[in-house]
Amino acid sequence: MAVPPRWIFLLPVLAILLLSSSIKAYGLALDKEEKEFHEELLLKPLPDRKVLAHFHFQTRAPSSTSNGHHHHLFPKTISQLVQKFQIKEMELSFTQGRWSYERWGGFDTISSNNANLPGVELLAVFNVPKEEVDASWKNLTHTLSGLFCASINFLKSPTMYSAPGWSFRQASGSLSYGILPREAVCTENLTPWLKLLPCRDKVGLSALMDRPSIYKSFYHSQRLHLTSNAYDPVGMNSGIVLEQTLTVVLRPSSQRASSTHASESYLQPSWSLSSIFGRKVNGRSVLAKSGKVYLQLERGLVAELKKNVNYGADYIASEGLMLNPALTCQLILIGYLKKKRGGTE
């Protein structure tokens, strides 16, 4: 009887190795497609010669129960919060100053979502039975207190929070809300917030966040909004979305205000990013899928820009000027925008 060659016995082992490598490569490719990080900055001149700066960062990740390779982009701390307390939605804000609805607006998207009360606000929706909501809330406040170096644990008192049975949100009965209006906001609250970003404040738009400039501002509010459908049985794409926003109203250090607007009552000051924040940014984060800077201007000034700057329809909209996300911008003193492929000043 002929003896088969030795290499025939190695075929099953080789097939198993190839199959495991393919599965691993597919998992990494799927993970790469599902996780995303985006950064945006909106700048808006205000009537009282101040400037509104609104930073928006969004990080997406698959459910921590289905994929464990995304923590280099998505913060592990947030994944653990969702898993430990079964959070469906959470919103935490730290605010200093009072929003001026008369001068800065009250009906637009920025003021509606980011004009918060002074102090600390916390809202959470849990995926737990109604009788377990209070215990989950107390444990969550203790965890957030240590994470953000704040007195959030004081919200565990029944007199400091409410758990309404009815609300405008879909998950009524599992919602809890509390506020600490006298909580002092300082850099110790901002540092852990920045650590949740993939590149912290080292590169990208977050590099503009100069702490002295932020805490000397007329108003600033840092916000964290978390949504998760990891516990939704009918959810097709289970995962976590983390949104971080920082809204600041400040006055540029150089106030060479020139009346470039048609109306004399609305002055358009000339400023640069470095005069606002005291820092420069050299480009978007290498981990960001997209990086965009928007400048919201009055219609009259946009019309003047159309006359003086040869931009196409893809760059100028009726309500403001939109920059190509692949480009950064430079703001020169006379108030016009020039597109530039280098850094932003």
C-alpha atoms as a PDB file:
ATOM      1  CA  MET A   1       0.000   0.000   0.000  1.00  0.00           C
ATOM      2  CA  ALA A   2       1.433   3.376  -1.033  1.00  0.00           C
ATOM      3  CA  VAL A   3       2.134   5.908   1.702  1.00  0.00           C
ATOM      4  CA  PRO A   4       0.745   9.414   0.898  1.00  0.00           C
ATOM      5  CA  PRO A   5       3.226  12.308   0.886  1.00  0.00           C
ATOM      6  CA  ARG A   6       3.786  14.166   4.158  1.00  0.00           C
ATOM      7  CA  TRP A   7       2.629  17.494   2.789  1.00  0.00           C
ATOM      8  CA  ILE A   8      -0.913  16.112   2.429  1.00  0.00           C
ATOM      9  CA  PHE A   9      -1.231  15.961   6.232  1.00  0.00           C
ATOM     10  CA  LEU A  10      -0.298  19.657   6.443  1.00  0.00           C
ATOM     11  CA  LEU A  11      -3.164  20.786   4.213  1.00  0.00           C
ATOM     12  CA  PRO A  12      -5.829  20.919   6.997  1.00  0.00           C
ATOM     13  CA  VAL A  13      -3.482  22.948   9.220  1.00  0.00           C
ATOM     14  CA  LEU A  14      -2.700  25.332   6.384  1.00  0.00           C
ATOM     15  CA  ALA A  15      -6.394  25.753   5.608  1.00  0.00           C
ATOM     16  CA  ILE A  16      -7.163  26.599   9.246  1.00  0.00           C
ATOM     17  CA  LEU A  17      -4.370  29.199   9.349  1.00  0.00           C
ATOM     18  CA  LEU A  18      -5.576  30.841   6.145  1.00  0.00           C
ATOM     19  CA  LEU A  19      -9.162  30.906   7.385  1.00  0.00           C
ATOM     20  CA  SER A  20      -8.240  32.489  10.723  1.00  0.00           C
ATOM     21  CA  SER A  21      -6.091  35.110   8.965  1.00  0.00           C
ATOM     22  CA  SER A  22      -8.964  35.959   6.627  1.00  0.00           C
ATOM     23  CA  ILE A  23     -11.409  36.306   9.514  1.00  0.00           C
ATOM     24  CA  LYS A  24      -8.995  38.563  11.404  1.00  0.00           C
ATOM     25  CA  ALA A  25      -8.354  40.715   8.339  1.00  0.00           C
ATOM     26  CA  TYR A  26     -12.094  41.002   7.704  1.00  0.00           C
ATOM     27  CA  GLY A  27     -12.697  42.028  11.306  1.00  0.00           C
ATOM     28  CA  LEU A  28     -10.016  44.709  11.153  1.00  0.00           C
ATOM     29  CA  ALA A  29     -11.361  45.998   7.848  1.00  0.00           C
ATOM     30  CA  LEU A  30     -14.890  46.110   9.257  1.00  0.00           C
ATOM     31  CA  ASP A  31     -13.619  47.915  12.338  1.00  0.00           C
ATOM     32  CA  LYS A  32     -11.832  50.441  10.151  1.00  0.00           C
ATOM     33  CA  GLU A  33     -15.026  51.147   8.231  1.00  0.00           C
ATOM     34  CA  GLU A  34     -17.249  51.533  11.283  1.00  0.00           C
ATOM     35  CA  LYS A  35     -15.146  53.798  13.495  1.00  0.00           C
ATOM     36  CA  GLU A  36     -15.026  57.470  12.534  1.00  0.00           C
ATOM     37  CA  PHE A  37     -13.862  60.796  13.923  1.00  0.00           C
ATOM     38  CA  HIS A  38     -14.942  64.183  12.570  1.00  0.00           C
ATOM     39  CA  GLU A  39     -14.005  67.696  13.693  1.00  0.00           C
ATOM     40  CA  GLU A  40     -15.637  71.023  12.836  1.00  0.00           C
ATOM     41  CA  LEU A  41     -15.331  74.668  13.839  1.00  0.00           C
ATOM     42  CA  LEU A  42     -17.920  77.396  13.264  1.00  0.00           C
ATOM     43  CA  LEU A  43     -16.916  81.057  13.591  1.00  0.00           C
ATOM     44  CA  LYS A  44     -19.537  83.791  13.688  1.00  0.00           C
ATOM     45  CA  PRO A  45     -18.946  87.544  14.184  1.00  0.00           C
ATOM     46  CA  LEU A  46     -21.428  88.980  16.691  1.00  0.00           C
ATOM     47  CA  PRO A  47     -23.000  92.473  16.674  1.00  0.00           C
ATOM     48  CA  ASP A  48     -21.147  93.579  19.831  1.00  0.00           C
ATOM     49  CA  ARG A  49     -17.743  92.960  18.174  1.00  0.00           C
ATOM     50  CA  LYS A  50     -17.326  89.621  19.867  1.00  0.00           C
ATOM     51  CA  VAL A  51     -16.836  86.295  18.106  1.00  0.00           C
ATOM     52  CA  LEU A  52     -18.719  83.046  18.609  1.00  0.00           C
ATOM     53  CA  ALA A  53     -16.569  79.933  18.226  1.00  0.00           C
ATOM     54  CA  HIS A  54     -18.322  76.571  18.227  1.00  0.00           C
ATOM     55  CA  PHE A  55     -16.193  73.409  18.180  1.00  0.00           C
ATOM     56  CA  HIS A  56     -17.874  70.128  17.310  1.00  0.00           C
ATOM     57  CA  PHE A  57     -16.209  66.716  17.511  1.00  0.00           C
ATOM     58  CA  GLN A  58     -17.955  63.449  16.725  1.00  0.00           C
ATOM     59  CA  THR A  59     -16.574  59.967  17.356  1.00  0.00           C
ATOM     60  CA  ARG A  60     -18.390  56.832  16.243  1.00  0.00           C
ATOM     61  CA  ALA A  61     -17.596  53.272  17.219  1.00  0.00           C
ATOM     62  CA  PRO A  62     -19.240  49.861  16.954  1.00  0.00           C
ATOM     63  CA  SER A  63     -20.735  48.331  20.056  1.00  0.00           C
ATOM     64  CA  SER A  64     -18.123  47.355  22.627  1.00  0.00           C
ATOM     65  CA  THR A  65     -19.808  43.972  22.929  1.00  0.00           C
ATOM     66  CA  SER A  66     -19.179  43.164  19.264  1.00  0.00           C
ATOM     67  CA  ASN A  67     -15.789  44.701  18.625  1.00  0.00           C
ATOM     68  CA  GLY A  68     -12.884  45.383  20.942  1.00  0.00           C
ATOM     69  CA  HIS A  69     -10.332  46.917  18.572  1.00  0.00           C
ATOM     70  CA  HIS A  70     -11.541  50.534  18.482  1.00  0.00           C
ATOM     71  CA  HIS A  71     -10.240  52.004  21.739  1.00  0.00           C
ATOM     72  CA  HIS A  72      -7.300  53.739  20.069  1.00  0.00           C
ATOM     73  CA  LEU A  73      -9.894  56.056  18.483  1.00  0.00           C
ATOM     74  CA  PHE A  74     -12.970  55.837  20.683  1.00  0.00           C
ATOM     75  CA  PRO A  75     -12.356  56.508  24.413  1.00  0.00           C
ATOM     76  CA  LYS A  76     -12.396  53.330  26.444  1.00  0.00           C
ATOM     77  CA  THR A  77     -13.875  55.203  29.406  1.00  0.00           C
ATOM     78  CA  ILE A  78     -17.064  55.980  27.485  1.00  0.00           C
ATOM     79  CA  SER A  79     -17.429  52.390  26.302  1.00  0.00           C
ATOM     80  CA  GLN A  80     -17.136  51.214  29.891  1.00  0.00           C
ATOM     81  CA  LEU A  81     -19.772  53.720  31.038  1.00  0.00           C
ATOM     82  CA  VAL A  82     -22.248  52.466  28.459  1.00  0.00           C
ATOM     83  CA  GLN A  83     -21.587  48.849  29.298  1.00  0.00           C
ATOM     84  CA  LYS A  84     -21.563  49.208  33.087  1.00  0.00           C
ATOM     85  CA  PHE A  85     -24.624  51.439  33.503  1.00  0.00           C
ATOM     86  CA  GLN A  86     -26.487  50.415  30.324  1.00  0.00           C
ATOM     87  CA  ILE A  87     -26.757  53.985  29.089  1.00  0.00           C
ATOM     88  CA  LYS A  88     -28.914  54.740  26.067  1.00  0.00           C
ATOM     89  CA  GLU A  89     -28.296  58.491  26.150  1.00  0.00           C
ATOM     90  CA  MET A  90     -26.323  60.892  28.311  1.00  0.00           C
ATOM     91  CA  GLU A  91     -25.682  64.624  28.180  1.00  0.00           C
ATOM     92  CA  LEU A  92     -23.258  66.444  30.475  1.00  0.00           C
ATOM     93  CA  SER A  93     -22.423  70.155  30.276  1.00  0.00           C
ATOM     94  CA  PHE A  94     -20.168  72.562  32.172  1.00  0.00           C
ATOM     95  CA  THR A  95     -21.093  76.210  31.627  1.00  0.00           C
ATOM     96  CA  GLN A  96     -19.630  79.506  32.797  1.00  0.00           C
ATOM     97  CA  GLY A  97     -21.346  82.818  32.088  1.00  0.00           C
ATOM     98  CA  ARG A  98     -24.823  83.621  30.794  1.00  0.00           C
ATOM     99  CA  TRP A  99     -25.906  83.483  27.192  1.00  0.00           C
ATOM    100  CA  SER A 100     -27.175  86.817  25.842  1.00  0.00           C
ATOM    101  CA  TYR A 101     -30.223  85.914  23.763  1.00  0.00           C
ATOM    102  CA  GLU A 102     -30.723  89.537  22.747  1.00  0.00           C
ATOM    103  CA  ARG A 103     -27.217  90.083  21.346  1.00  0.00           C
ATOM    104  CA  TRP A 104     -26.051  86.583  20.374  1.00  0.00           C
ATOM    105  CA  GLY A 105     -29.277  84.988  19.139  1.00  0.00           C
ATOM    106  CA  GLY A 106     -31.938  82.738  20.563  1.00  0.00           C
ATOM    107  CA  PHE A 107     -33.606  80.821  17.748  1.00  0.00           C
ATOM    108  CA  ASP A 108     -30.720  79.385  15.753  1.00  0.00           C
ATOM    109  CA  THR A 109     -29.301  75.887  16.165  1.00  0.00           C
ATOM    110  CA  ILE A 110     -26.241  76.945  18.173  1.00  0.00           C
ATOM    111  CA  SER A 111     -28.163  78.872  20.822  1.00  0.00           C
ATOM    112  CA  SER A 112     -30.943  76.284  21.006  1.00  0.00           C
ATOM    113  CA  ASN A 113     -28.573  73.391  21.708  1.00  0.00           C
ATOM    114  CA  ASN A 114     -25.643  75.059  23.472  1.00  0.00           C
ATOM    115  CA  ALA A 115     -27.033  78.003  25.457  1.00  0.00           C
ATOM    116  CA  ASN A 116     -27.010  76.150  28.764  1.00  0.00           C
ATOM    117  CA  LEU A 117     -27.605  77.280  32.314  1.00  0.00           C
ATOM    118  CA  PRO A 118     -24.523  78.181  34.395  1.00  0.00           C
ATOM    119  CA  GLY A 119     -23.011  75.315  36.341  1.00  0.00           C
ATOM    120  CA  VAL A 120     -23.318  71.600  35.637  1.00  0.00           C
ATOM    121  CA  GLU A 121     -26.229  69.838  33.934  1.00  0.00           C
ATOM    122  CA  LEU A 122     -26.595  66.074  33.632  1.00  0.00           C
ATOM    123  CA  LEU A 123     -29.226  64.072  31.796  1.00  0.00           C
ATOM    124  CA  ALA A 124     -29.177  60.300  31.439  1.00  0.00           C
ATOM    125  CA  VAL A 125     -31.459  57.665  29.936  1.00  0.00           C
ATOM    126  CA  PHE A 126     -30.876  54.112  31.152  1.00  0.00           C
ATOM    127  CA  ASN A 127     -31.848  50.787  29.661  1.00  0.00           C
ATOM    128  CA  VAL A 128     -32.807  49.319  33.036  1.00  0.00           C
ATOM    129  CA  PRO A 129     -36.098  48.535  34.801  1.00  0.00           C
ATOM    130  CA  LYS A 130     -37.802  51.536  36.334  1.00  0.00           C
ATOM    131  CA  GLU A 131     -37.045  50.422  39.890  1.00  0.00           C
ATOM    132  CA  GLU A 132     -33.294  50.390  39.116  1.00  0.00           C
ATOM    133  CA  VAL A 133     -33.073  53.888  37.637  1.00  0.00           C
ATOM    134  CA  ASP A 134     -32.292  55.649  40.930  1.00  0.00           C
ATOM    135  CA  ALA A 135     -29.447  53.271  41.768  1.00  0.00           C
ATOM    136  CA  SER A 136     -27.992  53.583  38.264  1.00  0.00           C
ATOM    137  CA  TRP A 137     -28.182  57.378  38.499  1.00  0.00           C
ATOM    138  CA  LYS A 138     -26.355  57.495  41.823  1.00  0.00           C
ATOM    139  CA  ASN A 139     -23.591  55.193  40.626  1.00  0.00           C
ATOM    140  CA  LEU A 140     -23.233  57.193  37.408  1.00  0.00           C
ATOM    141  CA  THR A 141     -22.891  60.514  39.254  1.00  0.00           C
ATOM    142  CA  HIS A 142     -20.132  59.069  41.447  1.00  0.00           C
ATOM    143  CA  THR A 143     -18.238  57.821  38.401  1.00  0.00           C
ATOM    144  CA  LEU A 144     -18.575  61.098  36.484  1.00  0.00           C
ATOM    145  CA  SER A 145     -17.524  63.063  39.551  1.00  0.00           C
ATOM    146  CA  GLY A 146     -14.182  61.290  39.622  1.00  0.00           C
ATOM    147  CA  LEU A 147     -13.778  61.364  35.866  1.00  0.00           C
ATOM    148  CA  PHE A 148     -14.355  65.121  35.425  1.00  0.00           C
ATOM    149  CA  CYS A 149     -13.025  66.366  38.784  1.00  0.00           C
ATOM    150  CA  ALA A 150     -16.374  67.934  39.721  1.00  0.00           C
ATOM    151  CA  SER A 151     -19.010  67.673  42.439  1.00  0.00           C
ATOM    152  CA  ILE A 152     -21.408  65.744  40.213  1.00  0.00           C
ATOM    153  CA  ASN A 153     -21.885  63.213  43.006  1.00  0.00           C
ATOM    154  CA  PHE A 154     -23.997  65.817  44.843  1.00  0.00           C
ATOM    155  CA  LEU A 155     -26.710  65.071  42.278  1.00  0.00           C
ATOM    156  CA  LYS A 156     -27.348  61.727  43.961  1.00  0.00           C
ATOM    157  CA  SER A 157     -29.503  63.506  46.547  1.00  0.00           C
ATOM    158  CA  PRO A 158     -33.256  63.134  45.801  1.00  0.00           C
ATOM    159  CA  THR A 159     -33.630  66.907  46.198  1.00  0.00           C
ATOM    160  CA  MET A 160     -31.076  67.586  43.436  1.00  0.00           C
ATOM    161  CA  TYR A 161     -32.486  65.526  40.580  1.00  0.00           C
ATOM    162  CA  SER A 162     -35.751  64.289  39.115  1.00  0.00           C
ATOM    163  CA  ALA A 163     -36.821  61.142  37.276  1.00  0.00           C
ATOM    164  CA  PRO A 164     -39.989  62.139  35.389  1.00  0.00           C
ATOM    165  CA  GLY A 165     -42.389  59.468  34.266  1.00  0.00           C
ATOM    166  CA  TRP A 166     -43.243  61.496  31.164  1.00  0.00           C
ATOM    167  CA  SER A 167     -40.930  63.482  28.909  1.00  0.00           C
ATOM    168  CA  PHE A 168     -40.463  64.618  25.327  1.00  0.00           C
ATOM    169  CA  ARG A 169     -37.886  61.893  24.844  1.00  0.00           C
ATOM    170  CA  GLN A 170     -38.777  58.428  23.657  1.00  0.00           C
ATOM    171  CA  ALA A 171     -37.380  56.574  26.690  1.00  0.00           C
ATOM    172  CA  SER A 172     -39.723  58.011  29.319  1.00  0.00           C
ATOM    173  CA  GLY A 173     -39.605  56.350  32.705  1.00  0.00           C
ATOM    174  CA  SER A 174     -35.845  55.716  32.540  1.00  0.00           C
ATOM    175  CA  LEU A 175     -34.766  59.341  32.316  1.00  0.00           C
ATOM    176  CA  SER A 176     -33.058  61.282  35.116  1.00  0.00           C
ATOM    177  CA  TYR A 177     -32.031  64.949  35.174  1.00  0.00           C
ATOM    178  CA  GLY A 178     -30.115  67.103  37.619  1.00  0.00           C
ATOM    179  CA  ILE A 179     -28.407  70.495  37.787  1.00  0.00           C
ATOM    180  CA  LEU A 180     -25.791  72.161  40.004  1.00  0.00           C
ATOM    181  CA  PRO A 181     -26.186  75.887  39.210  1.00  0.00           C
ATOM    182  CA  ARG A 182     -23.445  77.017  41.595  1.00  0.00           C
ATOM    183  CA  GLU A 183     -20.772  74.573  40.497  1.00  0.00           C
ATOM    184  CA  ALA A 184     -17.577  76.431  39.587  1.00  0.00           C
ATOM    185  CA  VAL A 185     -16.163  75.528  36.177  1.00  0.00           C
ATOM    186  CA  CYS A 186     -12.379  75.410  35.791  1.00  0.00           C
ATOM    187  CA  THR A 187      -9.572  73.886  33.727  1.00  0.00           C
ATOM    188  CA  GLU A 188      -9.754  70.694  35.789  1.00  0.00           C
ATOM    189  CA  ASN A 189     -13.090  69.999  34.075  1.00  0.00           C
ATOM    190  CA  LEU A 190     -11.755  70.734  30.586  1.00  0.00           C
ATOM    191  CA  THR A 191      -8.657  68.516  30.780  1.00  0.00           C
ATOM    192  CA  PRO A 192     -10.519  65.167  31.092  1.00  0.00           C
ATOM    193  CA  TRP A 193     -12.939  66.358  28.397  1.00  0.00           C
ATOM    194  CA  LEU A 194     -10.008  66.904  26.025  1.00  0.00           C
ATOM    195  CA  LYS A 195      -8.559  63.503  26.888  1.00  0.00           C
ATOM    196  CA  LEU A 196     -11.619  61.907  25.310  1.00  0.00           C
ATOM    197  CA  LEU A 197     -10.497  63.214  21.897  1.00  0.00           C
ATOM    198  CA  PRO A 198      -8.236  60.910  19.854  1.00  0.00           C
ATOM    199  CA  CYS A 199      -5.463  63.535  19.642  1.00  0.00           C
ATOM    200  CA  ARG A 200      -6.433  65.468  22.776  1.00  0.00           C
ATOM    201  CA  ASP A 201      -5.414  69.110  22.210  1.00  0.00           C
ATOM    202  CA  LYS A 202      -2.127  68.349  20.480  1.00  0.00           C
ATOM    203  CA  VAL A 203      -3.189  68.565  16.843  1.00  0.00           C
ATOM    204  CA  GLY A 204      -6.228  69.482  14.788  1.00  0.00           C
ATOM    205  CA  LEU A 205      -8.866  72.041  15.700  1.00  0.00           C
ATOM    206  CA  SER A 206      -8.603  71.205  19.401  1.00  0.00           C
ATOM    207  CA  ALA A 207      -5.071  72.658  19.338  1.00  0.00           C
ATOM    208  CA  LEU A 208      -6.739  76.097  19.277  1.00  0.00           C
ATOM    209  CA  MET A 209      -8.196  75.577  22.750  1.00  0.00           C
ATOM    210  CA  ASP A 210      -5.986  77.856  24.789  1.00  0.00           C
ATOM    211  CA  ARG A 211      -7.188  77.552  28.374  1.00  0.00           C
ATOM    212  CA  PRO A 212      -6.563  81.195  29.436  1.00  0.00           C
ATOM    213  CA  SER A 213      -8.480  82.435  26.385  1.00  0.00           C
ATOM    214  CA  ILE A 214     -11.392  80.088  27.065  1.00  0.00           C
ATOM    215  CA  TYR A 215     -11.759  80.856  30.762  1.00  0.00           C
ATOM    216  CA  LYS A 216     -11.446  84.610  30.221  1.00  0.00           C
ATOM    217  CA  SER A 217     -14.276  84.502  27.697  1.00  0.00           C
ATOM    218  CA  PHE A 218     -17.696  86.075  28.188  1.00  0.00           C
ATOM    219  CA  TYR A 219     -19.382  82.689  27.894  1.00  0.00           C
ATOM    220  CA  HIS A 220     -18.217  79.144  27.442  1.00  0.00           C
ATOM    221  CA  SER A 221     -19.950  75.802  27.635  1.00  0.00           C
ATOM    222  CA  GLN A 222     -18.361  72.398  27.157  1.00  0.00           C
ATOM    223  CA  ARG A 223     -20.810  69.636  26.399  1.00  0.00           C
ATOM    224  CA  LEU A 224     -20.682  65.878  26.038  1.00  0.00           C
ATOM    225  CA  HIS A 225     -23.549  64.050  24.372  1.00  0.00           C
ATOM    226  CA  LEU A 226     -23.566  60.264  24.200  1.00  0.00           C
ATOM    227  CA  THR A 227     -26.041  58.034  22.385  1.00  0.00           C
ATOM    228  CA  SER A 228     -25.958  54.258  22.214  1.00  0.00           C
ATOM    229  CA  ASN A 229     -28.182  51.682  20.572  1.00  0.00           C
ATOM    230  CA  ALA A 230     -26.059  48.771  21.748  1.00  0.00           C
ATOM    231  CA  TYR A 231     -29.035  47.478  23.735  1.00  0.00           C
ATOM    232  CA  ASP A 232     -31.591  47.988  20.987  1.00  0.00           C
ATOM    233  CA  PRO A 233     -32.679  44.510  19.819  1.00  0.00           C
ATOM    234  CA  VAL A 234     -33.963  45.843  16.499  1.00  0.00           C
ATOM    235  CA  GLY A 235     -31.012  48.174  15.855  1.00  0.00           C
ATOM    236  CA  MET A 236     -29.362  47.321  12.564  1.00  0.00           C
ATOM    237  CA  ASN A 237     -26.106  49.177  13.303  1.00  0.00           C
ATOM    238  CA  SER A 238     -25.518  48.903  17.014  1.00  0.00           C
ATOM    239  CA  GLY A 239     -22.837  51.240  18.271  1.00  0.00           C
ATOM    240  CA  ILE A 240     -21.966  54.381  20.197  1.00  0.00           C
ATOM    241  CA  VAL A 241     -21.848  58.007  19.045  1.00  0.00           C
ATOM    242  CA  LEU A 242     -19.974  60.530  21.175  1.00  0.00           C
ATOM    243  CA  GLU A 243     -20.414  64.229  20.421  1.00  0.00           C
ATOM    244  CA  GLN A 244     -18.271  66.842  22.153  1.00  0.00           C
ATOM    245  CA  THR A 245     -18.946  70.545  21.703  1.00  0.00           C
ATOM    246  CA  LEU A 246     -17.297  73.653  23.085  1.00  0.00           C
ATOM    247  CA  THR A 247     -19.110  76.961  22.602  1.00  0.00           C
ATOM    248  CA  VAL A 248     -17.146  80.120  23.407  1.00  0.00           C
ATOM    249  CA  VAL A 249     -17.953  83.821  23.083  1.00  0.00           C
ATOM    250  CA  LEU A 250     -14.834  85.974  23.258  1.00  0.00           C
ATOM    251  CA  ARG A 251     -13.309  89.186  22.028  1.00  0.00           C
ATOM    252  CA  PRO A 252     -10.293  89.066  19.698  1.00  0.00           C
ATOM    253  CA  SER A 253      -7.133  90.619  21.092  1.00  0.00           C
ATOM    254  CA  SER A 254      -6.809  92.891  18.049  1.00  0.00           C
ATOM    255  CA  GLN A 255      -9.908  95.028  17.471  1.00  0.00           C
ATOM    256  CA  ARG A 256      -9.343  96.760  14.170  1.00  0.00           C
ATOM    257  CA  ALA A 257     -13.039  96.876  13.403  1.00  0.00           C
ATOM    258  CA  SER A 258     -13.842  98.142   9.951  1.00  0.00           C
ATOM    259  CA  SER A 259     -17.352  98.684   8.619  1.00  0.00           C
ATOM    260  CA  THR A 260     -17.289  96.170   5.790  1.00  0.00           C
ATOM    261  CA  HIS A 261     -20.990  95.476   6.215  1.00  0.00           C
ATOM    262  CA  ALA A 262     -23.546  97.579   4.397  1.00  0.00           C
ATOM    263  CA  SER A 263     -25.252  98.478   7.668  1.00  0.00           C
ATOM    264  CA  GLU A 264     -23.375 100.885   9.953  1.00  0.00           C
ATOM    265  CA  SER A 265     -25.056  99.344  12.993  1.00  0.00           C
ATOM    266  CA  TYR A 266     -23.368  96.001  12.403  1.00  0.00           C
ATOM    267  CA  LEU A 267     -19.587  96.218  12.324  1.00  0.00           C
ATOM    268  CA  GLN A 268     -17.555  93.311  11.023  1.00  0.00           C
ATOM    269  CA  PRO A 269     -14.292  93.290  12.992  1.00  0.00           C
ATOM    270  CA  SER A 270     -11.091  92.063  11.410  1.00  0.00           C
ATOM    271  CA  TRP A 271      -9.427  89.211  13.248  1.00  0.00           C
ATOM    272  CA  SER A 272      -7.472  86.020  12.802  1.00  0.00           C
ATOM    273  CA  LEU A 273      -7.598  82.695  14.629  1.00  0.00           C
ATOM    274  CA  SER A 274      -4.402  83.563  16.464  1.00  0.00           C
ATOM    275  CA  SER A 275      -5.900  86.853  17.684  1.00  0.00           C
ATOM    276  CA  ILE A 276      -8.942  84.979  19.009  1.00  0.00           C
ATOM    277  CA  PHE A 277      -7.320  81.979  20.656  1.00  0.00           C
ATOM    278  CA  GLY A 278      -3.664  82.962  20.928  1.00  0.00           C
ATOM    279  CA  ARG A 279      -2.701  79.777  19.080  1.00  0.00           C
ATOM    280  CA  LYS A 280      -2.238  78.491  15.551  1.00  0.00           C
ATOM    281  CA  VAL A 281      -3.325  75.225  13.985  1.00  0.00           C
ATOM    282  CA  ASN A 282      -1.270  73.504  11.298  1.00  0.00           C
ATOM    283  CA  GLY A 283      -3.944  71.213   9.930  1.00  0.00           C
ATOM    284  CA  ARG A 284      -6.582  68.706  10.856  1.00  0.00           C
ATOM    285  CA  SER A 285      -5.983  65.642  12.983  1.00  0.00           C
ATOM    286  CA  VAL A 286      -4.515  62.701  11.082  1.00  0.00           C
ATOM    287  CA  LEU A 287      -7.133  60.482  12.742  1.00  0.00           C
ATOM    288  CA  ALA A 288     -10.013  62.657  11.542  1.00  0.00           C
ATOM    289  CA  LYS A 289     -12.035  61.434   8.592  1.00  0.00           C
ATOM    290  CA  SER A 290     -13.003  65.046   7.921  1.00  0.00           C
ATOM    291  CA  GLY A 291     -12.041  68.468   9.222  1.00  0.00           C
ATOM    292  CA  LYS A 292     -14.141  71.519   8.368  1.00  0.00           C
ATOM    293  CA  VAL A 293     -14.091  75.214   9.240  1.00  0.00           C
ATOM    294  CA  TYR A 294     -17.205  77.326   8.649  1.00  0.00           C
ATOM    295  CA  LEU A 295     -17.525  81.104   8.754  1.00  0.00           C
ATOM    296  CA  GLN A 296     -21.088  82.371   9.171  1.00  0.00           C
ATOM    297  CA  LEU A 297     -21.540  85.893   7.824  1.00  0.00           C
ATOM    298  CA  GLU A 298     -24.366  88.301   7.165  1.00  0.00           C
ATOM    299  CA  ARG A 299     -25.942  88.264   3.708  1.00  0.00           C
ATOM    300  CA  GLY A 300     -24.632  91.728   2.873  1.00  0.00           C
ATOM    301  CA  LEU A 301     -21.033  90.794   3.575  1.00  0.00           C
ATOM    302  CA  VAL A 302     -21.368  87.561   1.616  1.00  0.00           C
ATOM    303  CA  ALA A 303     -22.532  89.609  -1.371  1.00  0.00           C
ATOM    304  CA  GLU A 304     -19.420  91.772  -1.065  1.00  0.00           C
ATOM    305  CA  LEU A 305     -17.246  88.672  -0.855  1.00  0.00           C
ATOM    306  CA  LYS A 306     -18.790  87.381  -4.064  1.00  0.00           C
ATOM    307  CA  LYS A 307     -17.802  90.616  -5.788  1.00  0.00           C
ATOM    308  CA  ASN A 308     -14.244  90.743  -4.473  1.00  0.00           C
ATOM    309  CA  VAL A 309     -13.273  87.079  -4.238  1.00  0.00           C
ATOM    310  CA  ASN A 310     -13.635  84.751  -7.199  1.00  0.00           C
ATOM    311  CA  TYR A 311     -15.242  81.750  -5.477  1.00  0.00           C
ATOM    312  CA  GLY A 312     -17.523  79.208  -7.086  1.00  0.00           C
ATOM    313  CA  ALA A 313     -21.023  78.259  -5.995  1.00  0.00           C
ATOM    314  CA  ASP A 314     -19.638  75.300  -4.055  1.00  0.00           C
ATOM    315  CA  TYR A 315     -17.926  77.621  -1.593  1.00  0.00           C
ATOM    316  CA  ILE A 316     -20.409  80.424  -1.001  1.00  0.00           C
ATOM    317  CA  ALA A 317     -23.953  79.862   0.212  1.00  0.00           C
ATOM    318  CA  SER A 318     -26.694  82.403   0.705  1.00  0.00           C
ATOM    319  CA  GLU A 319     -26.367  82.302   4.484  1.00  0.00           C
ATOM    320  CA  GLY A 320     -22.604  82.238   4.787  1.00  0.00           C
ATOM    321  CA  LEU A 321     -19.282  81.063   3.481  1.00  0.00           C
ATOM    322  CA  MET A 322     -18.472  77.352   3.498  1.00  0.00           C
ATOM    323  CA  LEU A 323     -14.891  76.214   3.166  1.00  0.00           C
ATOM    324  CA  ASN A 324     -13.849  73.134   1.264  1.00  0.00           C
ATOM    325  CA  PRO A 325     -13.135  70.496   3.957  1.00  0.00           C
ATOM    326  CA  ALA A 326      -9.937  69.488   2.166  1.00  0.00           C
ATOM    327  CA  LEU A 327      -8.553  73.006   2.591  1.00  0.00           C
ATOM    328  CA  THR A 328      -7.745  75.216   5.529  1.00  0.00           C
ATOM    329  CA  CYS A 329      -8.269  78.951   5.506  1.00  0.00           C
ATOM    330  CA  GLN A 330      -6.497  82.157   6.360  1.00  0.00           C
ATOM    331  CA  LEU A 331      -8.388  85.217   7.540  1.00  0.00           C
ATOM    332  CA  ILE A 332      -6.729  88.470   6.493  1.00  0.00           C
ATOM    333  CA  LEU A 333      -7.263  91.848   8.140  1.00  0.00           C
ATOM    334  CA  ILE A 334      -9.672  93.364   5.632  1.00  0.00           C
ATOM    335  CA  GLY A 335     -12.168  90.615   6.335  1.00  0.00           C
ATOM    336  CA  TYR A 336     -11.856  88.494   3.203  1.00  0.00           C
ATOM    337  CA  LEU A 337     -11.147  84.781   3.136  1.00  0.00           C
ATOM    338  CA  LYS A 338      -8.464  83.205   1.042  1.00  0.00           C
ATOM    339  CA  LYS A 339      -8.189  79.489   0.610  1.00  0.00           C
ATOM    340  CA  LYS A 340      -4.788  78.114   1.341  1.00  0.00           C
ATOM    341  CA  ARG A 341      -3.394  74.612   1.439  1.00  0.00           C
ATOM    342  CA  GLY A 342      -0.991  75.412   4.250  1.00  0.00           C
ATOM    343  CA  GLY A 343      -1.689  76.103   7.922  1.00  0.00           C
ATOM    344  CA  THR A 344      -4.312  78.409   9.408  1.00  0.00           C
ATOM    345  CA  GLU A 345      -3.394  81.619  11.184  1.00  0.00           C
END
